[in-house]
Amino acid sequence: MEAVRPIAPTEVLEAKIEQIPNEVLQTFNSAIAENIHNGLARVLQKDIVAVLEGLGMNRQEIYKRHWLDVEDMYRQAGWEVKYDSPSYGDNDFEPYFVFRDSKIGR
């Protein structure tokens, strides 16, 4: 029997990808493809959650398990990713992700 060893920092991202249901990444992939223009896609968090709920996922579980924390995965795939949500005192707006093709200049 092989001994269990601590996870290395370089292995964490791969382990996280394995824990996120395929439907989550597929939903993000579809949303990016639908919203891409000039190498940039803006995706509303509420739209992702609505699709996932439509697939039978529970909203509380989505957030509890951090299934929307996909930024590092997409960065590793070649995207520049920004996530923005209101903070205390900010104007009220819908949280969103921006995916920018890292190969296209600004």
N, C-alpha and C. Protein backbone atom coordinates (compact mmCIF):
# COMPACT_ATOMS: atom_id res chain seq x y z
N MET A 1 0.84 -1.17 0.00
CA MET A 1 0.00 0.00 0.00
C MET A 1 0.89 1.24 0.00
N GLU A 2 0.59 2.16 -0.87
CA GLU A 2 1.38 3.39 -0.99
C GLU A 2 0.98 4.37 0.11
N ALA A 3 1.96 4.97 0.73
CA ALA A 3 1.70 5.94 1.80
C ALA A 3 1.13 7.23 1.21
N VAL A 4 0.24 7.83 1.96
CA VAL A 4 -0.32 9.12 1.57
C VAL A 4 0.71 10.19 1.90
N ARG A 5 0.87 11.13 0.99
CA ARG A 5 1.82 12.22 1.22
C ARG A 5 1.10 13.56 1.07
N PRO A 6 1.64 14.61 1.62
CA PRO A 6 1.01 15.93 1.49
C PRO A 6 0.98 16.35 0.01
N ILE A 7 -0.04 17.08 -0.32
CA ILE A 7 -0.16 17.59 -1.68
C ILE A 7 0.83 18.74 -1.88
N ALA A 8 1.47 18.77 -3.02
CA ALA A 8 2.41 19.83 -3.36
C ALA A 8 1.64 21.01 -3.95
N PRO A 9 2.15 22.21 -3.78
CA PRO A 9 1.47 23.38 -4.35
C PRO A 9 1.21 23.24 -5.85
N THR A 10 2.12 22.60 -6.55
CA THR A 10 1.95 22.43 -8.00
C THR A 10 0.84 21.45 -8.34
N GLU A 11 0.39 20.65 -7.37
CA GLU A 11 -0.65 19.66 -7.60
C GLU A 11 -2.04 20.14 -7.21
N VAL A 12 -2.12 21.25 -6.51
CA VAL A 12 -3.40 21.72 -5.98
C VAL A 12 -4.39 22.05 -7.09
N LEU A 13 -3.93 22.75 -8.11
CA LEU A 13 -4.85 23.14 -9.18
C LEU A 13 -5.43 21.92 -9.88
N GLU A 14 -4.61 20.94 -10.15
CA GLU A 14 -5.09 19.73 -10.80
C GLU A 14 -6.10 19.00 -9.90
N ALA A 15 -5.85 18.98 -8.61
CA ALA A 15 -6.78 18.33 -7.68
C ALA A 15 -8.11 19.07 -7.63
N LYS A 16 -8.05 20.40 -7.69
CA LYS A 16 -9.28 21.20 -7.68
C LYS A 16 -10.09 20.94 -8.95
N ILE A 17 -9.43 20.87 -10.09
CA ILE A 17 -10.13 20.59 -11.34
C ILE A 17 -10.88 19.27 -11.25
N GLU A 18 -10.26 18.28 -10.65
CA GLU A 18 -10.89 16.95 -10.52
C GLU A 18 -12.11 16.97 -9.59
N GLN A 19 -12.18 17.95 -8.68
CA GLN A 19 -13.28 18.01 -7.73
C GLN A 19 -14.48 18.80 -8.26
N ILE A 20 -14.27 19.57 -9.32
CA ILE A 20 -15.36 20.36 -9.89
C ILE A 20 -16.09 19.52 -10.92
N PRO A 21 -17.41 19.46 -10.83
CA PRO A 21 -18.16 18.67 -11.81
C PRO A 21 -17.92 19.17 -13.24
N ASN A 22 -17.91 18.25 -14.18
CA ASN A 22 -17.71 18.60 -15.58
C ASN A 22 -18.71 19.64 -16.06
N GLU A 23 -19.93 19.56 -15.54
CA GLU A 23 -20.98 20.49 -15.96
C GLU A 23 -20.62 21.94 -15.66
N VAL A 24 -19.87 22.17 -14.59
CA VAL A 24 -19.48 23.53 -14.23
C VAL A 24 -18.54 24.10 -15.28
N LEU A 25 -17.48 23.36 -15.60
CA LEU A 25 -16.53 23.85 -16.60
C LEU A 25 -17.17 23.92 -17.97
N GLN A 26 -18.06 22.99 -18.30
CA GLN A 26 -18.75 23.05 -19.58
C GLN A 26 -19.63 24.29 -19.68
N THR A 27 -20.27 24.64 -18.57
CA THR A 27 -21.11 25.84 -18.54
C THR A 27 -20.27 27.09 -18.74
N PHE A 28 -19.13 27.16 -18.07
CA PHE A 28 -18.23 28.29 -18.29
C PHE A 28 -17.72 28.32 -19.73
N ASN A 29 -17.31 27.17 -20.25
CA ASN A 29 -16.81 27.10 -21.63
C ASN A 29 -17.86 27.60 -22.61
N SER A 30 -19.09 27.17 -22.44
CA SER A 30 -20.17 27.59 -23.33
C SER A 30 -20.43 29.09 -23.21
N ALA A 31 -20.43 29.59 -21.98
CA ALA A 31 -20.67 31.02 -21.76
C ALA A 31 -19.56 31.87 -22.38
N ILE A 32 -18.33 31.41 -22.26
CA ILE A 32 -17.21 32.13 -22.87
C ILE A 32 -17.38 32.15 -24.39
N ALA A 33 -17.66 30.98 -24.96
CA ALA A 33 -17.83 30.89 -26.42
C ALA A 33 -18.98 31.77 -26.91
N GLU A 34 -20.07 31.81 -26.16
CA GLU A 34 -21.23 32.61 -26.56
C GLU A 34 -20.97 34.11 -26.45
N ASN A 35 -20.10 34.51 -25.53
CA ASN A 35 -19.90 35.93 -25.24
C ASN A 35 -18.59 36.50 -25.77
N ILE A 36 -17.78 35.70 -26.45
CA ILE A 36 -16.47 36.17 -26.90
C ILE A 36 -16.61 37.19 -28.03
N HIS A 37 -15.88 38.27 -27.94
CA HIS A 37 -15.82 39.29 -28.98
C HIS A 37 -14.47 39.98 -28.88
N ASN A 38 -13.71 39.94 -29.96
CA ASN A 38 -12.37 40.53 -29.98
C ASN A 38 -11.48 39.99 -28.87
N GLY A 39 -11.59 38.70 -28.59
CA GLY A 39 -10.73 38.07 -27.61
C GLY A 39 -11.13 38.28 -26.17
N LEU A 40 -12.33 38.83 -25.93
CA LEU A 40 -12.78 39.12 -24.57
C LEU A 40 -14.20 38.63 -24.38
N ALA A 41 -14.45 37.96 -23.25
CA ALA A 41 -15.80 37.50 -22.93
C ALA A 41 -16.16 37.95 -21.51
N ARG A 42 -17.30 38.58 -21.37
CA ARG A 42 -17.82 38.97 -20.04
C ARG A 42 -18.98 38.02 -19.73
N VAL A 43 -18.89 37.37 -18.56
CA VAL A 43 -19.86 36.35 -18.18
C VAL A 43 -20.42 36.70 -16.80
N LEU A 44 -21.73 36.82 -16.72
CA LEU A 44 -22.36 37.11 -15.43
C LEU A 44 -22.43 35.85 -14.58
N GLN A 45 -22.07 35.99 -13.32
CA GLN A 45 -22.11 34.86 -12.38
C GLN A 45 -23.52 34.30 -12.28
N LYS A 46 -24.53 35.18 -12.25
CA LYS A 46 -25.91 34.70 -12.10
C LYS A 46 -26.32 33.83 -13.28
N ASP A 47 -25.78 34.09 -14.47
CA ASP A 47 -26.11 33.27 -15.63
C ASP A 47 -25.52 31.87 -15.49
N ILE A 48 -24.30 31.78 -14.98
CA ILE A 48 -23.67 30.47 -14.75
C ILE A 48 -24.48 29.68 -13.72
N VAL A 49 -24.83 30.34 -12.62
CA VAL A 49 -25.58 29.67 -11.55
C VAL A 49 -26.95 29.22 -12.07
N ALA A 50 -27.61 30.04 -12.88
CA ALA A 50 -28.92 29.66 -13.41
C ALA A 50 -28.83 28.41 -14.28
N VAL A 51 -27.81 28.32 -15.11
CA VAL A 51 -27.64 27.12 -15.95
C VAL A 51 -27.39 25.90 -15.06
N LEU A 52 -26.52 26.05 -14.07
CA LEU A 52 -26.20 24.92 -13.19
C LEU A 52 -27.43 24.47 -12.41
N GLU A 53 -28.23 25.42 -11.94
CA GLU A 53 -29.48 25.05 -11.25
C GLU A 53 -30.42 24.34 -12.21
N GLY A 54 -30.45 24.78 -13.46
CA GLY A 54 -31.27 24.13 -14.47
C GLY A 54 -30.84 22.69 -14.73
N LEU A 55 -29.56 22.41 -14.45
CA LEU A 55 -29.03 21.05 -14.60
C LEU A 55 -29.26 20.23 -13.33
N GLY A 56 -29.92 20.82 -12.34
CA GLY A 56 -30.25 20.09 -11.12
C GLY A 56 -29.30 20.31 -9.96
N MET A 57 -28.35 21.21 -10.11
CA MET A 57 -27.41 21.48 -9.01
C MET A 57 -28.05 22.42 -8.01
N ASN A 58 -27.64 22.30 -6.76
CA ASN A 58 -28.15 23.10 -5.67
C ASN A 58 -27.28 24.35 -5.50
N ARG A 59 -27.94 25.53 -5.45
CA ARG A 59 -27.23 26.81 -5.34
C ARG A 59 -26.30 26.85 -4.13
N GLN A 60 -26.79 26.39 -2.98
CA GLN A 60 -25.96 26.42 -1.77
C GLN A 60 -24.72 25.54 -1.93
N GLU A 61 -24.88 24.40 -2.55
CA GLU A 61 -23.74 23.51 -2.75
C GLU A 61 -22.73 24.11 -3.73
N ILE A 62 -23.22 24.78 -4.75
CA ILE A 62 -22.33 25.44 -5.72
C ILE A 62 -21.39 26.39 -4.99
N TYR A 63 -21.96 27.21 -4.11
CA TYR A 63 -21.14 28.19 -3.38
C TYR A 63 -20.32 27.54 -2.27
N LYS A 64 -20.92 26.61 -1.56
CA LYS A 64 -20.22 25.95 -0.45
C LYS A 64 -18.96 25.23 -0.94
N ARG A 65 -19.07 24.61 -2.10
CA ARG A 65 -17.94 23.85 -2.64
C ARG A 65 -17.01 24.68 -3.52
N HIS A 66 -17.31 25.97 -3.64
CA HIS A 66 -16.46 26.91 -4.40
C HIS A 66 -16.31 26.50 -5.86
N TRP A 67 -17.38 25.98 -6.45
CA TRP A 67 -17.31 25.53 -7.84
C TRP A 67 -17.19 26.67 -8.83
N LEU A 68 -17.46 27.90 -8.39
CA LEU A 68 -17.31 29.05 -9.28
C LEU A 68 -15.92 29.66 -9.23
N ASP A 69 -15.07 29.15 -8.37
CA ASP A 69 -13.69 29.66 -8.25
C ASP A 69 -12.82 29.02 -9.32
N VAL A 70 -13.02 29.45 -10.55
CA VAL A 70 -12.37 28.81 -11.70
C VAL A 70 -11.25 29.65 -12.30
N GLU A 71 -10.99 30.81 -11.73
CA GLU A 71 -10.04 31.74 -12.33
C GLU A 71 -8.68 31.11 -12.62
N ASP A 72 -8.08 30.46 -11.63
CA ASP A 72 -6.75 29.89 -11.82
C ASP A 72 -6.74 28.80 -12.90
N MET A 73 -7.81 28.06 -13.00
CA MET A 73 -7.88 27.01 -14.03
C MET A 73 -7.86 27.61 -15.43
N TYR A 74 -8.61 28.67 -15.61
CA TYR A 74 -8.65 29.31 -16.92
C TYR A 74 -7.36 30.09 -17.20
N ARG A 75 -6.74 30.62 -16.16
CA ARG A 75 -5.43 31.26 -16.35
C ARG A 75 -4.41 30.24 -16.86
N GLN A 76 -4.44 29.06 -16.26
CA GLN A 76 -3.53 28.00 -16.68
C GLN A 76 -3.80 27.60 -18.13
N ALA A 77 -5.04 27.74 -18.58
CA ALA A 77 -5.41 27.40 -19.94
C ALA A 77 -5.09 28.51 -20.94
N GLY A 78 -4.60 29.66 -20.44
CA GLY A 78 -4.18 30.73 -21.34
C GLY A 78 -5.03 31.99 -21.33
N TRP A 79 -5.96 32.08 -20.41
CA TRP A 79 -6.81 33.26 -20.30
C TRP A 79 -6.29 34.21 -19.22
N GLU A 80 -6.49 35.49 -19.41
CA GLU A 80 -6.40 36.45 -18.32
C GLU A 80 -7.81 36.52 -17.76
N VAL A 81 -7.94 36.36 -16.45
CA VAL A 81 -9.28 36.30 -15.85
C VAL A 81 -9.39 37.33 -14.75
N LYS A 82 -10.50 38.06 -14.79
CA LYS A 82 -10.82 39.02 -13.73
C LYS A 82 -12.21 38.67 -13.21
N TYR A 83 -12.36 38.69 -11.90
CA TYR A 83 -13.67 38.51 -11.28
C TYR A 83 -13.96 39.77 -10.50
N ASP A 84 -15.18 40.28 -10.63
CA ASP A 84 -15.54 41.48 -9.89
C ASP A 84 -16.92 41.30 -9.29
N SER A 85 -17.06 41.73 -8.05
CA SER A 85 -18.34 41.69 -7.35
C SER A 85 -18.42 42.90 -6.44
N PRO A 86 -19.62 43.32 -6.09
CA PRO A 86 -19.74 44.49 -5.22
C PRO A 86 -19.15 44.23 -3.84
N SER A 87 -18.55 45.24 -3.30
CA SER A 87 -18.09 45.16 -1.92
C SER A 87 -18.82 46.25 -1.14
N TYR A 88 -18.64 46.26 0.14
CA TYR A 88 -19.35 47.21 0.98
C TYR A 88 -19.11 48.63 0.48
N GLY A 89 -20.18 49.35 0.22
CA GLY A 89 -20.09 50.74 -0.22
C GLY A 89 -20.04 50.90 -1.74
N ASP A 90 -19.81 49.81 -2.46
CA ASP A 90 -19.80 49.89 -3.92
C ASP A 90 -21.21 50.05 -4.45
N ASN A 91 -21.28 50.50 -5.70
CA ASN A 91 -22.56 50.46 -6.38
C ASN A 91 -23.00 49.01 -6.48
N ASP A 92 -24.28 48.82 -6.50
CA ASP A 92 -24.81 47.47 -6.61
C ASP A 92 -24.74 47.03 -8.07
N PHE A 93 -24.09 45.90 -8.34
CA PHE A 93 -24.05 45.35 -9.69
C PHE A 93 -23.91 43.84 -9.58
N GLU A 94 -24.19 43.18 -10.68
CA GLU A 94 -24.11 41.72 -10.73
C GLU A 94 -22.64 41.29 -10.81
N PRO A 95 -22.22 40.35 -9.98
CA PRO A 95 -20.85 39.83 -10.09
C PRO A 95 -20.62 39.23 -11.48
N TYR A 96 -19.40 39.41 -11.99
CA TYR A 96 -19.10 38.91 -13.32
C TYR A 96 -17.65 38.49 -13.45
N PHE A 97 -17.39 37.71 -14.47
CA PHE A 97 -16.06 37.28 -14.85
C PHE A 97 -15.73 37.92 -16.20
N VAL A 98 -14.47 38.28 -16.39
CA VAL A 98 -14.01 38.70 -17.70
C VAL A 98 -12.87 37.77 -18.08
N PHE A 99 -13.01 37.14 -19.23
CA PHE A 99 -11.99 36.25 -19.78
C PHE A 99 -11.41 36.95 -20.99
N ARG A 100 -10.09 37.16 -20.98
CA ARG A 100 -9.42 37.82 -22.09
C ARG A 100 -8.34 36.88 -22.61
N ASP A 101 -8.31 36.70 -23.91
CA ASP A 101 -7.28 35.88 -24.54
C ASP A 101 -5.94 36.52 -24.24
N SER A 102 -5.08 35.82 -23.52
CA SER A 102 -3.80 36.40 -23.10
C SER A 102 -2.85 36.65 -24.28
N LYS A 103 -3.15 36.09 -25.45
CA LYS A 103 -2.29 36.28 -26.62
C LYS A 103 -2.66 37.54 -27.41
N ILE A 104 -3.83 38.11 -27.11
CA ILE A 104 -4.27 39.31 -27.82
C ILE A 104 -3.94 40.52 -26.98
N GLY A 105 -3.24 41.48 -27.56
CA GLY A 105 -2.86 42.70 -26.83
C GLY A 105 -4.07 43.53 -26.49
N ARG A 106 -3.87 44.37 -25.54
CA ARG A 106 -4.98 45.22 -25.07
C ARG A 106 -5.07 46.48 -25.87
